[in-house]
Amino acid sequence: MEKYELLYGNTNKVLKINVESGEQYTVESGAMVSMSDVFEIKAKTGGIGKTLGRMFSGESMFIQHFIAKDSGELLLAPQFLGDIEMVEMDGSKNYRLGKSSFLASTSNIDVKTKSGGLNGMLSGEGLIQMEASGVGTLFISAYGAIHKKEIGDGETYIVDSDHLVLWDSSMNYTSELISGFFGSIAGGEGLICKFSGPGTIWIQTRNPRNMSQPSK
């Protein structure tokens, strides 16, 4: 039996965690689908600063800590229909998370609020962003499939800001308004992020903003 199982294909993925006694997982509020009756659950905001930071970053105000008292299973699903991916972290890199892309993490991953600066505000990713650090497994989710893109040293790569899921914190980027979309800036369209390598970016293939727009 695998420790982590991704069930039901790319469009409706569910994360199944097979837990042992004493293990602890940090989970986005509302992500739990079902579980064995072996968990102690603690909801935390992380203090007023972190609470406000999560609000401004597009994440929910609360996270939950699931502490296993015995072996069992925990099923988690993201907010949107789409993909889930496991990112193994060895402590050598920190990662910034796009809006609503955090699903869960193992206990030694620390997720904190960080300033996104002017670029974050202009790109729509927020003046305050979430950053993951530590050693362990980070579970990210997306609307649609997740596309992983490696950016070479000296290479630049452009991503629509609404499609960002995860990226190396060390990467430099600028936020720009793409030519031809000036009239739609109020709707957030046409905003792109231009990244400079080296580094890695995880991109979602669908735009969550389109979910709230009426079909034509």
N, C-alpha and C. Protein backbone atom coordinates (compact mmCIF):
# COMPACT_ATOMS: atom_id res chain seq x y z
N MET A 1 0.84 -1.20 0.00
CA MET A 1 0.00 0.00 0.00
C MET A 1 0.88 1.25 0.00
N GLU A 2 0.64 2.13 -0.96
CA GLU A 2 1.41 3.35 -1.05
C GLU A 2 1.00 4.34 0.05
N LYS A 3 1.97 5.16 0.46
CA LYS A 3 1.70 6.16 1.49
C LYS A 3 0.69 7.20 1.00
N TYR A 4 0.93 7.69 -0.21
CA TYR A 4 0.05 8.70 -0.81
C TYR A 4 -0.49 8.17 -2.13
N GLU A 5 -1.80 8.25 -2.30
CA GLU A 5 -2.44 7.79 -3.52
C GLU A 5 -3.25 8.92 -4.13
N LEU A 6 -3.09 9.13 -5.45
CA LEU A 6 -3.89 10.11 -6.18
C LEU A 6 -4.93 9.35 -6.98
N LEU A 7 -6.20 9.56 -6.61
CA LEU A 7 -7.30 8.79 -7.17
C LEU A 7 -8.08 9.57 -8.21
N TYR A 8 -8.63 8.87 -9.20
CA TYR A 8 -9.66 9.37 -10.12
C TYR A 8 -9.17 10.32 -11.20
N GLY A 9 -8.00 10.09 -11.75
CA GLY A 9 -7.58 10.82 -12.94
C GLY A 9 -7.25 12.27 -12.70
N ASN A 10 -7.03 13.01 -13.80
CA ASN A 10 -6.56 14.39 -13.69
C ASN A 10 -7.63 15.40 -13.32
N THR A 11 -8.88 15.17 -13.75
CA THR A 11 -9.88 16.22 -13.61
C THR A 11 -10.63 16.20 -12.29
N ASN A 12 -10.64 15.08 -11.60
CA ASN A 12 -11.39 14.97 -10.34
C ASN A 12 -10.54 14.32 -9.25
N LYS A 13 -9.28 14.66 -9.19
CA LYS A 13 -8.37 13.96 -8.28
C LYS A 13 -8.73 14.14 -6.82
N VAL A 14 -8.51 13.05 -6.09
CA VAL A 14 -8.64 13.03 -4.64
C VAL A 14 -7.33 12.48 -4.09
N LEU A 15 -6.83 13.10 -3.04
CA LEU A 15 -5.62 12.64 -2.38
C LEU A 15 -5.99 11.73 -1.21
N LYS A 16 -5.47 10.52 -1.24
CA LYS A 16 -5.65 9.58 -0.13
C LYS A 16 -4.33 9.43 0.60
N ILE A 17 -4.33 9.73 1.89
CA ILE A 17 -3.13 9.60 2.72
C ILE A 17 -3.34 8.43 3.68
N ASN A 18 -2.47 7.44 3.60
CA ASN A 18 -2.51 6.31 4.52
C ASN A 18 -1.60 6.63 5.70
N VAL A 19 -2.19 6.91 6.84
CA VAL A 19 -1.46 7.46 7.97
C VAL A 19 -1.11 6.38 8.99
N GLU A 20 -0.08 6.70 9.76
CA GLU A 20 0.31 5.89 10.90
C GLU A 20 0.18 6.73 12.16
N SER A 21 0.10 6.08 13.29
CA SER A 21 -0.06 6.78 14.57
C SER A 21 1.06 7.79 14.80
N GLY A 22 0.69 8.98 15.22
CA GLY A 22 1.65 10.03 15.52
C GLY A 22 1.93 10.99 14.38
N GLU A 23 1.51 10.64 13.16
CA GLU A 23 1.74 11.54 12.03
C GLU A 23 0.80 12.74 12.09
N GLN A 24 1.29 13.85 11.54
CA GLN A 24 0.51 15.08 11.54
C GLN A 24 0.55 15.72 10.16
N TYR A 25 -0.61 16.23 9.71
CA TYR A 25 -0.71 16.88 8.42
C TYR A 25 -1.40 18.23 8.57
N THR A 26 -0.90 19.20 7.85
CA THR A 26 -1.53 20.51 7.78
C THR A 26 -2.40 20.54 6.53
N VAL A 27 -3.66 20.92 6.70
CA VAL A 27 -4.65 20.78 5.62
C VAL A 27 -5.42 22.09 5.46
N GLU A 28 -5.66 22.47 4.22
CA GLU A 28 -6.48 23.64 3.95
C GLU A 28 -7.90 23.39 4.45
N SER A 29 -8.48 24.41 5.09
CA SER A 29 -9.82 24.27 5.64
C SER A 29 -10.83 23.91 4.55
N GLY A 30 -11.67 22.93 4.82
CA GLY A 30 -12.70 22.52 3.88
C GLY A 30 -12.25 21.46 2.89
N ALA A 31 -10.99 21.01 2.96
CA ALA A 31 -10.47 20.05 1.99
C ALA A 31 -10.78 18.59 2.36
N MET A 32 -11.11 18.33 3.63
CA MET A 32 -11.35 16.95 4.05
C MET A 32 -12.63 16.41 3.41
N VAL A 33 -12.51 15.24 2.76
CA VAL A 33 -13.66 14.56 2.17
C VAL A 33 -14.19 13.49 3.12
N SER A 34 -13.29 12.64 3.62
CA SER A 34 -13.65 11.58 4.55
C SER A 34 -12.39 11.11 5.25
N MET A 35 -12.57 10.34 6.34
CA MET A 35 -11.40 9.90 7.10
C MET A 35 -11.78 8.78 8.06
N SER A 36 -10.77 8.04 8.47
CA SER A 36 -10.94 7.07 9.54
C SER A 36 -11.13 7.82 10.86
N ASP A 37 -11.78 7.18 11.79
CA ASP A 37 -12.05 7.82 13.09
C ASP A 37 -10.85 7.67 14.01
N VAL A 38 -9.70 8.24 13.58
CA VAL A 38 -8.47 8.11 14.35
C VAL A 38 -7.76 9.45 14.53
N PHE A 39 -8.41 10.56 14.12
CA PHE A 39 -7.72 11.84 14.11
C PHE A 39 -8.18 12.79 15.21
N GLU A 40 -7.21 13.52 15.73
CA GLU A 40 -7.49 14.71 16.51
C GLU A 40 -7.29 15.90 15.57
N ILE A 41 -8.28 16.80 15.52
CA ILE A 41 -8.23 17.91 14.58
C ILE A 41 -8.16 19.22 15.35
N LYS A 42 -7.18 20.03 14.97
CA LYS A 42 -7.01 21.34 15.59
C LYS A 42 -7.02 22.40 14.50
N ALA A 43 -7.90 23.40 14.64
CA ALA A 43 -7.95 24.51 13.68
C ALA A 43 -7.10 25.64 14.21
N LYS A 44 -6.30 26.24 13.32
CA LYS A 44 -5.42 27.33 13.72
C LYS A 44 -5.47 28.44 12.68
N THR A 45 -5.33 29.67 13.17
CA THR A 45 -5.22 30.81 12.27
C THR A 45 -3.78 31.28 12.18
N GLY A 46 -2.95 30.93 13.14
CA GLY A 46 -1.55 31.36 13.13
C GLY A 46 -1.36 32.78 13.58
N GLY A 47 -2.34 33.35 14.31
CA GLY A 47 -2.19 34.73 14.78
C GLY A 47 -2.81 35.71 13.81
N ILE A 48 -3.08 36.92 14.28
CA ILE A 48 -3.79 37.90 13.47
C ILE A 48 -3.01 38.28 12.23
N GLY A 49 -1.69 38.37 12.32
CA GLY A 49 -0.90 38.74 11.14
C GLY A 49 -1.00 37.69 10.05
N LYS A 50 -0.88 36.42 10.45
CA LYS A 50 -0.97 35.35 9.47
C LYS A 50 -2.39 35.24 8.93
N THR A 51 -3.39 35.47 9.80
CA THR A 51 -4.77 35.41 9.34
C THR A 51 -5.04 36.44 8.27
N LEU A 52 -4.63 37.69 8.51
CA LEU A 52 -4.81 38.73 7.52
C LEU A 52 -4.02 38.43 6.26
N GLY A 53 -2.82 37.86 6.45
CA GLY A 53 -2.00 37.52 5.30
C GLY A 53 -2.68 36.50 4.42
N ARG A 54 -3.29 35.48 5.01
CA ARG A 54 -3.98 34.46 4.23
C ARG A 54 -5.19 35.05 3.53
N MET A 55 -5.89 35.99 4.18
CA MET A 55 -7.03 36.63 3.54
C MET A 55 -6.59 37.38 2.29
N PHE A 56 -5.51 38.16 2.42
CA PHE A 56 -5.04 38.96 1.29
C PHE A 56 -4.39 38.11 0.21
N SER A 57 -3.90 36.93 0.56
CA SER A 57 -3.25 36.07 -0.43
C SER A 57 -4.24 35.21 -1.19
N GLY A 58 -5.52 35.27 -0.81
CA GLY A 58 -6.52 34.48 -1.49
C GLY A 58 -6.79 33.14 -0.85
N GLU A 59 -6.08 32.82 0.22
CA GLU A 59 -6.30 31.56 0.93
C GLU A 59 -7.35 31.78 2.02
N SER A 60 -7.95 30.70 2.51
CA SER A 60 -8.92 30.83 3.57
C SER A 60 -8.22 31.19 4.88
N MET A 61 -8.99 31.69 5.84
CA MET A 61 -8.42 32.20 7.08
C MET A 61 -7.85 31.09 7.95
N PHE A 62 -8.38 29.87 7.84
CA PHE A 62 -8.01 28.82 8.77
C PHE A 62 -7.33 27.65 8.05
N ILE A 63 -6.40 27.04 8.75
CA ILE A 63 -5.86 25.75 8.35
C ILE A 63 -6.15 24.77 9.48
N GLN A 64 -6.08 23.49 9.17
CA GLN A 64 -6.37 22.48 10.17
C GLN A 64 -5.19 21.53 10.30
N HIS A 65 -4.94 21.09 11.52
CA HIS A 65 -3.90 20.09 11.79
C HIS A 65 -4.59 18.78 12.13
N PHE A 66 -4.32 17.76 11.32
CA PHE A 66 -4.86 16.43 11.54
C PHE A 66 -3.77 15.57 12.18
N ILE A 67 -3.99 15.13 13.40
CA ILE A 67 -3.02 14.35 14.15
C ILE A 67 -3.56 12.93 14.32
N ALA A 68 -2.85 11.95 13.75
CA ALA A 68 -3.32 10.57 13.77
C ALA A 68 -3.01 9.91 15.11
N LYS A 69 -4.02 9.31 15.70
CA LYS A 69 -3.87 8.57 16.94
C LYS A 69 -3.70 7.07 16.70
N ASP A 70 -3.92 6.67 15.46
CA ASP A 70 -3.78 5.27 15.08
C ASP A 70 -3.63 5.24 13.55
N SER A 71 -3.43 4.07 12.98
CA SER A 71 -3.35 3.97 11.53
C SER A 71 -4.74 4.14 10.92
N GLY A 72 -4.78 4.67 9.71
CA GLY A 72 -6.05 4.90 9.05
C GLY A 72 -5.84 5.63 7.74
N GLU A 73 -6.88 6.30 7.26
CA GLU A 73 -6.78 7.02 6.00
C GLU A 73 -7.45 8.37 6.09
N LEU A 74 -6.98 9.29 5.24
CA LEU A 74 -7.51 10.65 5.16
C LEU A 74 -7.65 10.99 3.68
N LEU A 75 -8.86 11.36 3.25
CA LEU A 75 -9.11 11.73 1.86
C LEU A 75 -9.34 13.23 1.77
N LEU A 76 -8.60 13.87 0.85
CA LEU A 76 -8.67 15.31 0.67
C LEU A 76 -8.97 15.64 -0.79
N ALA A 77 -9.73 16.71 -1.00
CA ALA A 77 -10.02 17.17 -2.36
C ALA A 77 -9.90 18.69 -2.41
N PRO A 78 -9.42 19.24 -3.53
CA PRO A 78 -9.25 20.68 -3.66
C PRO A 78 -10.55 21.40 -3.95
N GLN A 79 -10.47 22.72 -3.96
CA GLN A 79 -11.63 23.57 -4.20
C GLN A 79 -12.14 23.41 -5.63
N PHE A 80 -11.22 23.30 -6.59
CA PHE A 80 -11.61 23.25 -7.99
C PHE A 80 -11.46 21.83 -8.54
N LEU A 81 -12.20 21.55 -9.63
CA LEU A 81 -12.01 20.30 -10.36
C LEU A 81 -10.66 20.36 -11.05
N GLY A 82 -9.80 19.41 -10.76
CA GLY A 82 -8.50 19.47 -11.39
C GLY A 82 -7.48 18.55 -10.77
N ASP A 83 -6.24 18.91 -10.96
CA ASP A 83 -5.10 18.06 -10.65
C ASP A 83 -4.60 18.29 -9.22
N ILE A 84 -3.90 17.28 -8.71
CA ILE A 84 -3.17 17.37 -7.45
C ILE A 84 -1.76 16.85 -7.73
N GLU A 85 -0.77 17.51 -7.17
CA GLU A 85 0.61 17.05 -7.36
C GLU A 85 1.36 17.10 -6.05
N MET A 86 2.28 16.14 -5.88
CA MET A 86 3.13 16.09 -4.70
C MET A 86 4.49 16.70 -5.04
N VAL A 87 4.93 17.64 -4.23
CA VAL A 87 6.23 18.28 -4.42
C VAL A 87 7.10 17.91 -3.23
N GLU A 88 8.16 17.16 -3.48
CA GLU A 88 9.07 16.75 -2.42
C GLU A 88 10.07 17.87 -2.16
N MET A 89 10.13 18.34 -0.92
CA MET A 89 11.00 19.44 -0.55
C MET A 89 12.14 18.93 0.34
N ASP A 90 13.39 19.31 -0.01
CA ASP A 90 14.56 18.85 0.76
C ASP A 90 15.19 19.97 1.58
N GLY A 91 14.53 21.12 1.64
CA GLY A 91 15.04 22.24 2.43
C GLY A 91 15.93 23.19 1.67
N SER A 92 16.31 22.83 0.44
CA SER A 92 17.22 23.68 -0.32
C SER A 92 16.51 24.83 -1.03
N LYS A 93 15.19 24.70 -1.20
CA LYS A 93 14.42 25.73 -1.90
C LYS A 93 13.13 26.04 -1.16
N ASN A 94 12.72 27.29 -1.24
CA ASN A 94 11.39 27.70 -0.80
C ASN A 94 10.53 27.93 -2.04
N TYR A 95 9.23 27.82 -1.85
CA TYR A 95 8.31 27.99 -2.98
C TYR A 95 7.19 28.96 -2.63
N ARG A 96 6.83 29.82 -3.59
CA ARG A 96 5.66 30.68 -3.46
C ARG A 96 4.46 29.95 -4.06
N LEU A 97 3.30 30.12 -3.43
CA LEU A 97 2.09 29.45 -3.87
C LEU A 97 1.12 30.44 -4.48
N GLY A 98 0.51 30.05 -5.60
CA GLY A 98 -0.54 30.85 -6.20
C GLY A 98 -1.81 30.75 -5.38
N LYS A 99 -2.79 31.56 -5.74
CA LYS A 99 -4.05 31.59 -5.00
C LYS A 99 -4.73 30.22 -5.00
N SER A 100 -5.13 29.78 -3.81
CA SER A 100 -5.90 28.54 -3.62
C SER A 100 -5.17 27.28 -4.08
N SER A 101 -3.84 27.33 -4.20
CA SER A 101 -3.10 26.15 -4.67
C SER A 101 -2.61 25.26 -3.52
N PHE A 102 -2.62 25.76 -2.28
CA PHE A 102 -2.21 24.92 -1.15
C PHE A 102 -3.33 23.96 -0.79
N LEU A 103 -3.01 22.67 -0.74
CA LEU A 103 -3.97 21.66 -0.31
C LEU A 103 -3.60 21.08 1.04
N ALA A 104 -2.33 20.66 1.19
CA ALA A 104 -1.90 20.05 2.45
C ALA A 104 -0.38 19.95 2.46
N SER A 105 0.15 19.57 3.62
CA SER A 105 1.59 19.34 3.73
C SER A 105 1.87 18.45 4.93
N THR A 106 3.04 17.82 4.90
CA THR A 106 3.48 17.07 6.06
C THR A 106 3.94 18.03 7.15
N SER A 107 4.15 17.51 8.34
CA SER A 107 4.32 18.36 9.52
C SER A 107 5.57 19.23 9.50
N ASN A 108 6.61 18.85 8.76
CA ASN A 108 7.85 19.62 8.77
C ASN A 108 7.91 20.68 7.67
N ILE A 109 6.80 20.86 6.94
CA ILE A 109 6.70 21.95 5.98
C ILE A 109 6.04 23.14 6.67
N ASP A 110 6.67 24.30 6.58
CA ASP A 110 6.16 25.51 7.20
C ASP A 110 5.60 26.41 6.11
N VAL A 111 4.34 26.78 6.22
CA VAL A 111 3.70 27.66 5.24
C VAL A 111 3.40 28.99 5.93
N LYS A 112 4.05 30.03 5.46
CA LYS A 112 3.92 31.36 6.06
C LYS A 112 3.54 32.39 5.01
N THR A 113 3.12 33.56 5.50
CA THR A 113 2.85 34.67 4.60
C THR A 113 4.12 35.46 4.36
N LYS A 114 4.29 35.90 3.11
CA LYS A 114 5.43 36.71 2.72
C LYS A 114 4.93 37.86 1.85
N SER A 115 5.68 38.94 1.84
CA SER A 115 5.32 40.06 0.99
C SER A 115 5.52 39.69 -0.47
N GLY A 116 4.48 39.94 -1.27
CA GLY A 116 4.59 39.73 -2.71
C GLY A 116 5.12 40.95 -3.43
N GLY A 117 5.23 42.07 -2.69
CA GLY A 117 5.75 43.29 -3.28
C GLY A 117 4.83 43.85 -4.34
N LEU A 118 5.31 44.82 -5.04
CA LEU A 118 4.51 45.47 -6.08
C LEU A 118 4.18 44.51 -7.21
N ASN A 119 5.13 43.61 -7.55
CA ASN A 119 4.87 42.65 -8.61
C ASN A 119 3.71 41.73 -8.26
N GLY A 120 3.67 41.30 -7.00
CA GLY A 120 2.58 40.43 -6.57
C GLY A 120 1.24 41.12 -6.64
N MET A 121 1.20 42.38 -6.24
CA MET A 121 -0.04 43.13 -6.27
C MET A 121 -0.52 43.35 -7.70
N LEU A 122 0.41 43.74 -8.58
CA LEU A 122 0.05 44.02 -9.97
C LEU A 122 -0.36 42.77 -10.72
N SER A 123 0.27 41.65 -10.37
CA SER A 123 -0.01 40.41 -11.09
C SER A 123 -1.34 39.78 -10.70
N GLY A 124 -1.92 40.24 -9.58
CA GLY A 124 -3.14 39.63 -9.08
C GLY A 124 -2.88 38.52 -8.09
N GLU A 125 -1.60 38.16 -7.88
CA GLU A 125 -1.27 37.12 -6.91
C GLU A 125 -1.29 37.65 -5.49
N GLY A 126 -1.35 38.96 -5.33
CA GLY A 126 -1.53 39.52 -4.01
C GLY A 126 -0.30 40.19 -3.44
N LEU A 127 -0.54 41.25 -2.67
CA LEU A 127 0.53 41.94 -1.97
C LEU A 127 1.15 41.02 -0.93
N ILE A 128 0.33 40.11 -0.39
CA ILE A 128 0.80 39.09 0.54
C ILE A 128 0.66 37.74 -0.15
N GLN A 129 1.71 36.94 -0.14
CA GLN A 129 1.69 35.62 -0.76
C GLN A 129 2.04 34.56 0.28
N MET A 130 1.74 33.31 -0.05
CA MET A 130 2.09 32.20 0.81
C MET A 130 3.41 31.60 0.32
N GLU A 131 4.28 31.23 1.30
CA GLU A 131 5.56 30.62 0.97
C GLU A 131 5.75 29.36 1.79
N ALA A 132 6.17 28.29 1.13
CA ALA A 132 6.42 27.00 1.79
C ALA A 132 7.92 26.77 1.91
N SER A 133 8.35 26.31 3.09
CA SER A 133 9.74 25.99 3.33
C SER A 133 9.81 24.73 4.20
N GLY A 134 11.01 24.14 4.27
CA GLY A 134 11.19 22.98 5.13
C GLY A 134 11.48 21.72 4.35
N VAL A 135 11.37 20.59 5.05
CA VAL A 135 11.66 19.27 4.47
C VAL A 135 10.43 18.39 4.62
N GLY A 136 9.98 17.84 3.51
CA GLY A 136 8.79 17.00 3.55
C GLY A 136 8.06 17.05 2.23
N THR A 137 6.74 16.79 2.27
CA THR A 137 5.92 16.75 1.07
C THR A 137 4.88 17.85 1.11
N LEU A 138 4.83 18.62 0.02
CA LEU A 138 3.84 19.67 -0.17
C LEU A 138 2.86 19.18 -1.23
N PHE A 139 1.56 19.28 -0.93
CA PHE A 139 0.53 18.86 -1.88
C PHE A 139 -0.14 20.11 -2.45
N ILE A 140 -0.05 20.27 -3.77
CA ILE A 140 -0.64 21.44 -4.42
C ILE A 140 -1.78 20.98 -5.32
N SER A 141 -2.73 21.89 -5.56
CA SER A 141 -3.87 21.57 -6.41
C SER A 141 -4.07 22.66 -7.44
N ALA A 142 -4.84 22.34 -8.48
CA ALA A 142 -5.01 23.29 -9.58
C ALA A 142 -6.37 23.11 -10.22
N TYR A 143 -6.76 24.10 -10.99
CA TYR A 143 -7.95 24.02 -11.82
C TYR A 143 -7.49 23.52 -13.19
N GLY A 144 -7.87 22.31 -13.54
CA GLY A 144 -7.33 21.67 -14.73
C GLY A 144 -6.09 20.87 -14.38
N ALA A 145 -5.27 20.58 -15.37
CA ALA A 145 -4.04 19.82 -15.15
C ALA A 145 -2.92 20.75 -14.69
N ILE A 146 -1.87 20.15 -14.09
CA ILE A 146 -0.70 20.90 -13.66
C ILE A 146 0.43 20.63 -14.64
N HIS A 147 0.98 21.71 -15.20
CA HIS A 147 2.09 21.62 -16.14
C HIS A 147 3.35 22.16 -15.45
N LYS A 148 4.38 21.33 -15.38
CA LYS A 148 5.64 21.73 -14.74
C LYS A 148 6.62 22.21 -15.80
N LYS A 149 7.15 23.40 -15.61
CA LYS A 149 8.05 24.01 -16.58
C LYS A 149 9.37 24.37 -15.94
N GLU A 150 10.47 23.81 -16.48
CA GLU A 150 11.81 24.14 -16.02
C GLU A 150 12.34 25.31 -16.85
N ILE A 151 12.79 26.36 -16.18
CA ILE A 151 13.31 27.55 -16.85
C ILE A 151 14.83 27.55 -16.71
N GLY A 152 15.54 27.63 -17.83
CA GLY A 152 16.99 27.58 -17.81
C GLY A 152 17.63 28.88 -17.37
N ASP A 153 18.90 28.81 -17.04
CA ASP A 153 19.67 29.98 -16.63
C ASP A 153 19.69 31.00 -17.77
N GLY A 154 19.28 32.22 -17.48
CA GLY A 154 19.26 33.27 -18.48
C GLY A 154 18.03 33.28 -19.36
N GLU A 155 17.16 32.28 -19.21
CA GLU A 155 15.94 32.19 -20.01
C GLU A 155 14.82 32.99 -19.35
N THR A 156 13.97 33.59 -20.15
CA THR A 156 12.76 34.24 -19.64
C THR A 156 11.54 33.47 -20.13
N TYR A 157 10.49 33.48 -19.31
CA TYR A 157 9.29 32.72 -19.65
C TYR A 157 8.08 33.48 -19.12
N ILE A 158 7.02 33.53 -19.92
CA ILE A 158 5.85 34.34 -19.60
C ILE A 158 4.68 33.43 -19.23
N VAL A 159 4.00 33.76 -18.12
CA VAL A 159 2.85 33.00 -17.65
C VAL A 159 1.71 33.97 -17.33
N ASP A 160 0.51 33.68 -17.80
CA ASP A 160 -0.66 34.43 -17.38
C ASP A 160 -0.79 34.29 -15.87
N SER A 161 -0.98 35.41 -15.18
CA SER A 161 -0.94 35.39 -13.72
C SER A 161 -2.01 34.48 -13.10
N ASP A 162 -3.15 34.32 -13.77
CA ASP A 162 -4.21 33.49 -13.23
C ASP A 162 -3.89 31.99 -13.32
N HIS A 163 -2.83 31.65 -14.04
CA HIS A 163 -2.48 30.24 -14.22
C HIS A 163 -1.34 29.79 -13.30
N LEU A 164 -0.84 30.68 -12.45
CA LEU A 164 0.27 30.32 -11.57
C LEU A 164 -0.20 29.44 -10.42
N VAL A 165 0.54 28.37 -10.16
CA VAL A 165 0.25 27.48 -9.04
C VAL A 165 1.39 27.52 -8.02
N LEU A 166 2.64 27.38 -8.49
CA LEU A 166 3.79 27.30 -7.59
C LEU A 166 5.03 27.72 -8.37
N TRP A 167 5.98 28.39 -7.68
CA TRP A 167 7.24 28.74 -8.33
C TRP A 167 8.33 28.91 -7.30
N ASP A 168 9.58 28.75 -7.74
CA ASP A 168 10.74 28.94 -6.86
C ASP A 168 10.74 30.36 -6.31
N SER A 169 10.88 30.49 -5.00
CA SER A 169 10.91 31.83 -4.39
C SER A 169 12.10 32.65 -4.86
N SER A 170 13.17 31.98 -5.27
CA SER A 170 14.38 32.69 -5.67
C SER A 170 14.28 33.30 -7.06
N MET A 171 13.26 32.93 -7.81
CA MET A 171 13.14 33.43 -9.18
C MET A 171 12.68 34.89 -9.19
N ASN A 172 13.30 35.66 -10.04
CA ASN A 172 12.88 37.05 -10.25
C ASN A 172 11.80 37.09 -11.32
N TYR A 173 10.81 37.97 -11.11
CA TYR A 173 9.80 38.14 -12.14
C TYR A 173 9.26 39.56 -12.11
N THR A 174 8.73 39.97 -13.24
CA THR A 174 8.06 41.27 -13.34
C THR A 174 6.64 41.05 -13.80
N SER A 175 5.75 41.95 -13.41
CA SER A 175 4.35 41.88 -13.83
C SER A 175 4.10 42.94 -14.90
N GLU A 176 3.46 42.53 -15.97
CA GLU A 176 3.25 43.43 -17.09
C GLU A 176 1.84 43.25 -17.65
N LEU A 177 1.39 44.25 -18.38
CA LEU A 177 0.12 44.19 -19.08
C LEU A 177 0.41 43.83 -20.52
N ILE A 178 -0.11 42.69 -20.95
CA ILE A 178 0.21 42.22 -22.29
C ILE A 178 -0.45 43.10 -23.34
N SER A 179 0.23 43.34 -24.41
CA SER A 179 -0.25 44.22 -25.47
C SER A 179 -1.57 43.70 -26.04
N GLY A 180 -2.50 44.64 -26.26
CA GLY A 180 -3.77 44.29 -26.87
C GLY A 180 -4.89 44.05 -25.89
N PHE A 181 -4.57 44.08 -24.58
CA PHE A 181 -5.60 43.82 -23.58
C PHE A 181 -5.82 45.01 -22.64
N PHE A 182 -5.39 46.17 -23.05
CA PHE A 182 -5.44 47.32 -22.14
C PHE A 182 -6.87 47.60 -21.67
N GLY A 183 -7.83 47.46 -22.57
CA GLY A 183 -9.20 47.79 -22.21
C GLY A 183 -9.81 46.86 -21.19
N SER A 184 -9.21 45.70 -20.96
CA SER A 184 -9.79 44.74 -20.02
C SER A 184 -9.02 44.64 -18.72
N ILE A 185 -8.18 45.63 -18.41
CA ILE A 185 -7.38 45.56 -17.19
C ILE A 185 -8.25 45.51 -15.95
N ALA A 186 -9.42 46.18 -15.99
CA ALA A 186 -10.30 46.17 -14.83
C ALA A 186 -10.78 44.76 -14.52
N GLY A 187 -10.86 43.93 -15.53
CA GLY A 187 -11.29 42.56 -15.31
C GLY A 187 -10.16 41.62 -14.98
N GLY A 188 -8.93 42.13 -14.94
CA GLY A 188 -7.78 41.32 -14.59
C GLY A 188 -7.18 40.57 -15.75
N GLU A 189 -7.75 40.73 -16.95
CA GLU A 189 -7.23 40.02 -18.11
C GLU A 189 -6.01 40.74 -18.66
N GLY A 190 -5.14 39.97 -19.26
CA GLY A 190 -3.97 40.57 -19.90
C GLY A 190 -2.79 40.78 -18.99
N LEU A 191 -2.90 40.39 -17.71
CA LEU A 191 -1.79 40.53 -16.78
C LEU A 191 -0.91 39.28 -16.86
N ILE A 192 0.35 39.49 -17.10
CA ILE A 192 1.27 38.37 -17.22
C ILE A 192 2.46 38.56 -16.28
N CYS A 193 3.11 37.46 -15.94
CA CYS A 193 4.33 37.49 -15.15
C CYS A 193 5.47 36.98 -16.03
N LYS A 194 6.55 37.76 -16.10
CA LYS A 194 7.71 37.39 -16.89
C LYS A 194 8.81 36.95 -15.93
N PHE A 195 9.08 35.63 -15.92
CA PHE A 195 10.05 35.04 -15.01
C PHE A 195 11.43 34.94 -15.65
N SER A 196 12.45 35.08 -14.81
CA SER A 196 13.83 34.90 -15.24
C SER A 196 14.40 33.66 -14.56
N GLY A 197 14.98 32.75 -15.36
CA GLY A 197 15.55 31.52 -14.83
C GLY A 197 16.91 31.74 -14.21
N PRO A 198 17.43 30.68 -13.53
CA PRO A 198 16.88 29.33 -13.51
C PRO A 198 15.81 29.16 -12.44
N GLY A 199 14.99 28.13 -12.63
CA GLY A 199 13.97 27.83 -11.65
C GLY A 199 12.87 26.97 -12.25
N THR A 200 11.87 26.66 -11.43
CA THR A 200 10.76 25.80 -11.84
C THR A 200 9.45 26.48 -11.54
N ILE A 201 8.50 26.35 -12.47
CA ILE A 201 7.17 26.91 -12.32
C ILE A 201 6.16 25.79 -12.56
N TRP A 202 5.13 25.74 -11.71
CA TRP A 202 4.00 24.84 -11.91
C TRP A 202 2.82 25.69 -12.35
N ILE A 203 2.16 25.28 -13.45
CA ILE A 203 1.13 26.09 -14.09
C ILE A 203 -0.16 25.28 -14.19
N GLN A 204 -1.31 25.92 -13.92
CA GLN A 204 -2.59 25.23 -14.11
C GLN A 204 -3.13 25.54 -15.52
N THR A 205 -3.69 24.51 -16.15
CA THR A 205 -4.08 24.64 -17.55
C THR A 205 -5.42 25.35 -17.75
N ARG A 206 -6.17 25.57 -16.68
CA ARG A 206 -7.44 26.29 -16.78
C ARG A 206 -7.39 27.52 -15.88
N ASN A 207 -8.20 28.51 -16.22
CA ASN A 207 -8.23 29.78 -15.50
C ASN A 207 -9.44 29.83 -14.57
N PRO A 208 -9.25 29.85 -13.24
CA PRO A 208 -10.38 29.88 -12.31
C PRO A 208 -11.28 31.09 -12.51
N ARG A 209 -10.73 32.19 -13.02
CA ARG A 209 -11.53 33.39 -13.23
C ARG A 209 -12.67 33.13 -14.22
N ASN A 210 -12.46 32.21 -15.14
CA ASN A 210 -13.48 31.94 -16.16
C ASN A 210 -14.70 31.24 -15.57
N MET A 211 -14.55 30.63 -14.40
CA MET A 211 -15.68 29.94 -13.78
C MET A 211 -16.81 30.89 -13.40
N SER A 212 -16.42 32.13 -13.07
CA SER A 212 -17.42 33.10 -12.62
C SER A 212 -17.95 33.97 -13.74
N GLN A 213 -17.45 33.76 -14.96
CA GLN A 213 -17.90 34.55 -16.08
C GLN A 213 -19.00 33.83 -16.84
N PRO A 214 -20.02 34.54 -17.25
CA PRO A 214 -21.11 33.89 -17.99
C PRO A 214 -20.64 33.38 -19.33
N SER A 215 -21.16 32.26 -19.75
CA SER A 215 -20.79 31.70 -21.05
C SER A 215 -21.35 32.56 -22.17
N LYS A 216 -20.61 32.61 -23.27
CA LYS A 216 -21.00 33.45 -24.39
C LYS A 216 -21.87 32.64 -25.38
